[in-house]
Amino acid sequence: MLAAVLPVVLEGEIRLLPLSEVLYCYADADRTLVVTPQGELPTRGTLASLAARLEPGFFRSHRAYLVNLDHVRAVIPWTRNAYSLALEGRKEVPLSKYRVKALRDLVGW
């Protein structure tokens, strides 16, 4: 069983961040960032490797986003095929039209 922590780089150290504090992770160019209510932190590895490690509690909502389902508060429709996920702290992440069915099946919406 994997520990419920995620290694992040902070002030030159590798810190072990509890997964419960992670809102979402996203890929930005050649790096992967972890977003918490306090801010963004870099982590090692790709978004795909994080998804493999963190699912099923985390959901790949978009090719560049991995969201912690414990922090999702609402699904917001923008158009017939476009949605975003509202998280705690007034944050939003995109929900790809290709991932809507997977989320519906997962949460029973």
N, C-alpha and C. Protein backbone atom coordinates (compact mmCIF):
# COMPACT_ATOMS: atom_id res chain seq x y z
N MET A 1 0.84 -1.19 0.00
CA MET A 1 0.00 0.00 0.00
C MET A 1 0.88 1.24 0.00
N LEU A 2 0.52 2.22 -0.80
CA LEU A 2 1.27 3.46 -0.87
C LEU A 2 0.87 4.38 0.26
N ALA A 3 1.82 5.12 0.76
CA ALA A 3 1.53 6.08 1.82
C ALA A 3 0.66 7.19 1.25
N ALA A 4 -0.11 7.83 2.12
CA ALA A 4 -1.01 8.89 1.70
C ALA A 4 -0.30 10.24 1.70
N VAL A 5 0.89 10.27 1.08
CA VAL A 5 1.66 11.50 0.98
C VAL A 5 2.20 11.63 -0.44
N LEU A 6 2.53 12.86 -0.79
CA LEU A 6 3.08 13.15 -2.11
C LEU A 6 4.35 13.97 -1.91
N PRO A 7 5.48 13.53 -2.44
CA PRO A 7 6.69 14.32 -2.29
C PRO A 7 6.66 15.58 -3.18
N VAL A 8 6.96 16.72 -2.58
CA VAL A 8 7.03 18.00 -3.29
C VAL A 8 8.32 18.69 -2.91
N VAL A 9 8.76 19.61 -3.75
CA VAL A 9 9.98 20.35 -3.49
C VAL A 9 9.61 21.70 -2.87
N LEU A 10 10.16 21.97 -1.70
CA LEU A 10 9.88 23.23 -1.00
C LEU A 10 11.14 23.68 -0.29
N GLU A 11 11.60 24.88 -0.64
CA GLU A 11 12.78 25.47 -0.02
C GLU A 11 13.98 24.53 -0.06
N GLY A 12 14.19 23.87 -1.19
CA GLY A 12 15.33 23.01 -1.37
C GLY A 12 15.22 21.64 -0.71
N GLU A 13 14.09 21.35 -0.11
CA GLU A 13 13.87 20.07 0.55
C GLU A 13 12.77 19.30 -0.17
N ILE A 14 12.78 18.00 0.02
CA ILE A 14 11.67 17.17 -0.44
C ILE A 14 10.74 17.02 0.76
N ARG A 15 9.57 17.60 0.66
CA ARG A 15 8.59 17.52 1.75
C ARG A 15 7.53 16.50 1.38
N LEU A 16 6.99 15.84 2.38
CA LEU A 16 5.94 14.85 2.18
C LEU A 16 4.60 15.49 2.51
N LEU A 17 3.87 15.83 1.47
CA LEU A 17 2.60 16.53 1.58
C LEU A 17 1.45 15.52 1.71
N PRO A 18 0.63 15.62 2.75
CA PRO A 18 -0.52 14.71 2.86
C PRO A 18 -1.46 14.89 1.66
N LEU A 19 -1.93 13.78 1.09
CA LEU A 19 -2.81 13.85 -0.08
C LEU A 19 -4.10 14.62 0.22
N SER A 20 -4.53 14.61 1.46
CA SER A 20 -5.76 15.33 1.82
C SER A 20 -5.62 16.83 1.59
N GLU A 21 -4.39 17.35 1.53
CA GLU A 21 -4.16 18.77 1.30
C GLU A 21 -4.07 19.14 -0.18
N VAL A 22 -4.00 18.15 -1.04
CA VAL A 22 -3.85 18.40 -2.48
C VAL A 22 -5.22 18.63 -3.11
N LEU A 23 -5.41 19.79 -3.74
CA LEU A 23 -6.64 20.08 -4.48
C LEU A 23 -6.59 19.42 -5.85
N TYR A 24 -5.49 19.70 -6.57
CA TYR A 24 -5.29 19.10 -7.89
C TYR A 24 -3.83 19.22 -8.29
N CYS A 25 -3.48 18.50 -9.34
CA CYS A 25 -2.14 18.56 -9.94
C CYS A 25 -2.34 18.91 -11.41
N TYR A 26 -1.36 19.61 -11.96
CA TYR A 26 -1.46 19.90 -13.39
C TYR A 26 -0.08 19.96 -14.04
N ALA A 27 -0.09 19.68 -15.33
CA ALA A 27 1.14 19.71 -16.12
C ALA A 27 1.25 21.09 -16.76
N ASP A 28 2.45 21.65 -16.66
CA ASP A 28 2.73 22.96 -17.25
C ASP A 28 4.08 22.86 -17.94
N ALA A 29 4.04 22.78 -19.26
CA ALA A 29 5.25 22.59 -20.08
C ALA A 29 5.96 21.31 -19.64
N ASP A 30 7.16 21.42 -19.10
CA ASP A 30 7.92 20.22 -18.74
C ASP A 30 7.92 19.94 -17.24
N ARG A 31 6.98 20.51 -16.50
CA ARG A 31 6.93 20.26 -15.06
C ARG A 31 5.51 19.95 -14.60
N THR A 32 5.42 19.34 -13.42
CA THR A 32 4.14 19.00 -12.83
C THR A 32 4.03 19.76 -11.51
N LEU A 33 2.92 20.45 -11.33
CA LEU A 33 2.69 21.25 -10.13
C LEU A 33 1.54 20.68 -9.32
N VAL A 34 1.66 20.80 -8.01
CA VAL A 34 0.63 20.36 -7.06
C VAL A 34 0.03 21.62 -6.46
N VAL A 35 -1.30 21.71 -6.47
CA VAL A 35 -1.98 22.89 -5.94
C VAL A 35 -2.66 22.54 -4.62
N THR A 36 -2.37 23.35 -3.61
CA THR A 36 -2.98 23.23 -2.29
C THR A 36 -3.68 24.55 -2.00
N PRO A 37 -4.46 24.63 -0.92
CA PRO A 37 -5.06 25.93 -0.59
C PRO A 37 -4.00 27.02 -0.34
N GLN A 38 -2.79 26.63 0.02
CA GLN A 38 -1.73 27.60 0.30
C GLN A 38 -0.93 28.01 -0.93
N GLY A 39 -1.06 27.28 -2.04
CA GLY A 39 -0.31 27.65 -3.24
C GLY A 39 0.11 26.46 -4.08
N GLU A 40 1.04 26.70 -4.99
CA GLU A 40 1.52 25.67 -5.93
C GLU A 40 2.92 25.21 -5.56
N LEU A 41 3.15 23.91 -5.69
CA LEU A 41 4.44 23.32 -5.38
C LEU A 41 4.86 22.37 -6.50
N PRO A 42 6.13 22.40 -6.89
CA PRO A 42 6.58 21.45 -7.91
C PRO A 42 6.75 20.05 -7.33
N THR A 43 6.52 19.05 -8.16
CA THR A 43 6.74 17.67 -7.75
C THR A 43 7.50 16.96 -8.86
N ARG A 44 8.07 15.84 -8.51
CA ARG A 44 8.80 15.07 -9.51
C ARG A 44 7.85 14.12 -10.21
N GLY A 45 8.19 13.76 -11.42
CA GLY A 45 7.37 12.81 -12.17
C GLY A 45 6.39 13.51 -13.08
N THR A 46 5.81 12.72 -13.95
CA THR A 46 4.84 13.24 -14.91
C THR A 46 3.43 13.16 -14.33
N LEU A 47 2.52 13.83 -14.97
CA LEU A 47 1.13 13.75 -14.54
C LEU A 47 0.60 12.33 -14.71
N ALA A 48 1.03 11.65 -15.76
CA ALA A 48 0.60 10.25 -15.98
C ALA A 48 1.08 9.35 -14.85
N SER A 49 2.32 9.53 -14.38
CA SER A 49 2.80 8.69 -13.29
C SER A 49 2.07 9.01 -11.99
N LEU A 50 1.73 10.28 -11.78
CA LEU A 50 0.94 10.63 -10.59
C LEU A 50 -0.46 10.01 -10.67
N ALA A 51 -1.07 10.06 -11.84
CA ALA A 51 -2.40 9.49 -12.02
C ALA A 51 -2.39 7.99 -11.71
N ALA A 52 -1.39 7.30 -12.19
CA ALA A 52 -1.29 5.85 -11.93
C ALA A 52 -1.15 5.57 -10.44
N ARG A 53 -0.45 6.44 -9.75
CA ARG A 53 -0.22 6.24 -8.32
C ARG A 53 -1.42 6.67 -7.46
N LEU A 54 -2.11 7.74 -7.86
CA LEU A 54 -3.11 8.36 -6.99
C LEU A 54 -4.55 7.96 -7.27
N GLU A 55 -4.84 7.35 -8.42
CA GLU A 55 -6.22 6.92 -8.67
C GLU A 55 -6.53 5.74 -7.77
N PRO A 56 -7.72 5.54 -7.26
CA PRO A 56 -8.99 6.11 -7.67
C PRO A 56 -9.42 7.37 -6.92
N GLY A 57 -8.71 7.82 -5.90
CA GLY A 57 -9.11 9.03 -5.18
C GLY A 57 -8.94 10.30 -5.98
N PHE A 58 -8.08 10.23 -6.99
CA PHE A 58 -7.86 11.36 -7.90
C PHE A 58 -8.39 10.97 -9.27
N PHE A 59 -8.86 11.97 -10.02
CA PHE A 59 -9.49 11.72 -11.32
C PHE A 59 -8.82 12.58 -12.38
N ARG A 60 -8.49 11.98 -13.49
CA ARG A 60 -7.88 12.71 -14.62
C ARG A 60 -9.00 13.41 -15.37
N SER A 61 -9.25 14.68 -15.04
CA SER A 61 -10.36 15.43 -15.61
C SER A 61 -10.05 15.99 -17.00
N HIS A 62 -8.77 16.04 -17.32
CA HIS A 62 -8.31 16.66 -18.56
C HIS A 62 -6.90 16.14 -18.79
N ARG A 63 -6.40 16.22 -20.01
CA ARG A 63 -5.06 15.68 -20.26
C ARG A 63 -4.00 16.35 -19.40
N ALA A 64 -4.26 17.58 -18.93
CA ALA A 64 -3.27 18.30 -18.14
C ALA A 64 -3.65 18.44 -16.66
N TYR A 65 -4.76 17.83 -16.24
CA TYR A 65 -5.23 18.00 -14.86
C TYR A 65 -5.60 16.68 -14.20
N LEU A 66 -5.23 16.57 -12.93
CA LEU A 66 -5.55 15.43 -12.08
C LEU A 66 -6.15 16.02 -10.80
N VAL A 67 -7.42 15.75 -10.54
CA VAL A 67 -8.11 16.42 -9.45
C VAL A 67 -8.42 15.46 -8.30
N ASN A 68 -8.30 15.97 -7.08
CA ASN A 68 -8.64 15.20 -5.88
C ASN A 68 -10.16 15.24 -5.73
N LEU A 69 -10.82 14.10 -5.88
CA LEU A 69 -12.29 14.05 -5.84
C LEU A 69 -12.86 14.48 -4.50
N ASP A 70 -12.09 14.38 -3.43
CA ASP A 70 -12.57 14.82 -2.12
C ASP A 70 -12.79 16.32 -2.06
N HIS A 71 -12.19 17.08 -2.98
CA HIS A 71 -12.31 18.53 -2.96
C HIS A 71 -13.25 19.08 -4.04
N VAL A 72 -13.82 18.22 -4.86
CA VAL A 72 -14.76 18.67 -5.90
C VAL A 72 -16.10 18.97 -5.25
N ARG A 73 -16.60 20.18 -5.48
CA ARG A 73 -17.87 20.61 -4.89
C ARG A 73 -19.01 20.69 -5.89
N ALA A 74 -18.69 20.86 -7.19
CA ALA A 74 -19.74 20.98 -8.20
C ALA A 74 -19.18 20.77 -9.59
N VAL A 75 -20.06 20.35 -10.50
CA VAL A 75 -19.75 20.27 -11.92
C VAL A 75 -20.50 21.43 -12.56
N ILE A 76 -19.77 22.31 -13.23
CA ILE A 76 -20.37 23.51 -13.80
C ILE A 76 -20.43 23.38 -15.31
N PRO A 77 -21.65 23.37 -15.89
CA PRO A 77 -21.75 23.33 -17.36
C PRO A 77 -21.49 24.71 -17.95
N TRP A 78 -20.70 24.75 -19.02
CA TRP A 78 -20.44 26.00 -19.72
C TRP A 78 -21.20 26.03 -21.04
N THR A 79 -21.14 24.93 -21.77
CA THR A 79 -21.91 24.78 -22.99
C THR A 79 -22.43 23.35 -22.98
N ARG A 80 -23.01 22.92 -24.09
CA ARG A 80 -23.55 21.56 -24.16
C ARG A 80 -22.50 20.50 -23.87
N ASN A 81 -21.26 20.72 -24.30
CA ASN A 81 -20.19 19.73 -24.13
C ASN A 81 -19.06 20.18 -23.22
N ALA A 82 -19.10 21.38 -22.69
CA ALA A 82 -17.99 21.89 -21.90
C ALA A 82 -18.39 22.06 -20.44
N TYR A 83 -17.52 21.57 -19.56
CA TYR A 83 -17.76 21.64 -18.12
C TYR A 83 -16.46 22.03 -17.41
N SER A 84 -16.62 22.48 -16.18
CA SER A 84 -15.46 22.61 -15.30
C SER A 84 -15.86 22.06 -13.94
N LEU A 85 -14.86 21.77 -13.12
CA LEU A 85 -15.10 21.26 -11.78
C LEU A 85 -14.77 22.36 -10.78
N ALA A 86 -15.73 22.68 -9.92
CA ALA A 86 -15.51 23.69 -8.88
C ALA A 86 -14.95 22.98 -7.65
N LEU A 87 -13.86 23.53 -7.13
CA LEU A 87 -13.19 22.96 -5.97
C LEU A 87 -13.29 23.92 -4.79
N GLU A 88 -12.87 23.45 -3.63
CA GLU A 88 -12.78 24.31 -2.46
C GLU A 88 -11.85 25.47 -2.77
N GLY A 89 -12.08 26.58 -2.11
CA GLY A 89 -11.19 27.72 -2.29
C GLY A 89 -11.41 28.47 -3.58
N ARG A 90 -12.58 28.34 -4.17
CA ARG A 90 -12.96 29.06 -5.40
C ARG A 90 -12.05 28.76 -6.57
N LYS A 91 -11.51 27.56 -6.61
CA LYS A 91 -10.67 27.12 -7.72
C LYS A 91 -11.53 26.30 -8.67
N GLU A 92 -11.17 26.34 -9.95
CA GLU A 92 -11.85 25.53 -10.97
C GLU A 92 -10.82 24.87 -11.86
N VAL A 93 -11.15 23.65 -12.31
CA VAL A 93 -10.31 22.95 -13.28
C VAL A 93 -11.21 22.49 -14.42
N PRO A 94 -10.66 22.38 -15.62
CA PRO A 94 -11.48 21.95 -16.75
C PRO A 94 -11.82 20.47 -16.68
N LEU A 95 -12.99 20.15 -17.20
CA LEU A 95 -13.41 18.76 -17.38
C LEU A 95 -13.54 18.55 -18.88
N SER A 96 -12.66 17.75 -19.43
CA SER A 96 -12.66 17.48 -20.86
C SER A 96 -13.96 16.79 -21.27
N LYS A 97 -14.46 17.12 -22.45
CA LYS A 97 -15.68 16.47 -22.93
C LYS A 97 -15.46 14.97 -23.09
N TYR A 98 -14.22 14.56 -23.26
CA TYR A 98 -13.90 13.13 -23.39
C TYR A 98 -13.88 12.42 -22.04
N ARG A 99 -13.88 13.16 -20.93
CA ARG A 99 -13.82 12.56 -19.60
C ARG A 99 -15.14 12.67 -18.84
N VAL A 100 -16.15 13.32 -19.43
CA VAL A 100 -17.44 13.51 -18.77
C VAL A 100 -18.09 12.17 -18.43
N LYS A 101 -18.14 11.25 -19.37
CA LYS A 101 -18.78 9.96 -19.13
C LYS A 101 -18.07 9.20 -18.01
N ALA A 102 -16.75 9.22 -17.99
CA ALA A 102 -16.00 8.54 -16.93
C ALA A 102 -16.33 9.11 -15.56
N LEU A 103 -16.46 10.44 -15.47
CA LEU A 103 -16.83 11.05 -14.19
C LEU A 103 -18.25 10.71 -13.81
N ARG A 104 -19.16 10.75 -14.81
CA ARG A 104 -20.55 10.37 -14.53
C ARG A 104 -20.64 8.95 -13.99
N ASP A 105 -19.92 8.03 -14.61
CA ASP A 105 -19.92 6.64 -14.16
C ASP A 105 -19.31 6.50 -12.77
N LEU A 106 -18.26 7.27 -12.51
CA LEU A 106 -17.56 7.17 -11.24
C LEU A 106 -18.38 7.69 -10.06
N VAL A 107 -19.04 8.82 -10.24
CA VAL A 107 -19.78 9.43 -9.13
C VAL A 107 -21.29 9.22 -9.20
N GLY A 108 -21.77 8.62 -10.28
CA GLY A 108 -23.20 8.35 -10.40
C GLY A 108 -24.05 9.56 -10.68
N TRP A 109 -23.53 10.48 -11.50
CA TRP A 109 -24.28 11.70 -11.81
C TRP A 109 -25.10 11.53 -13.04
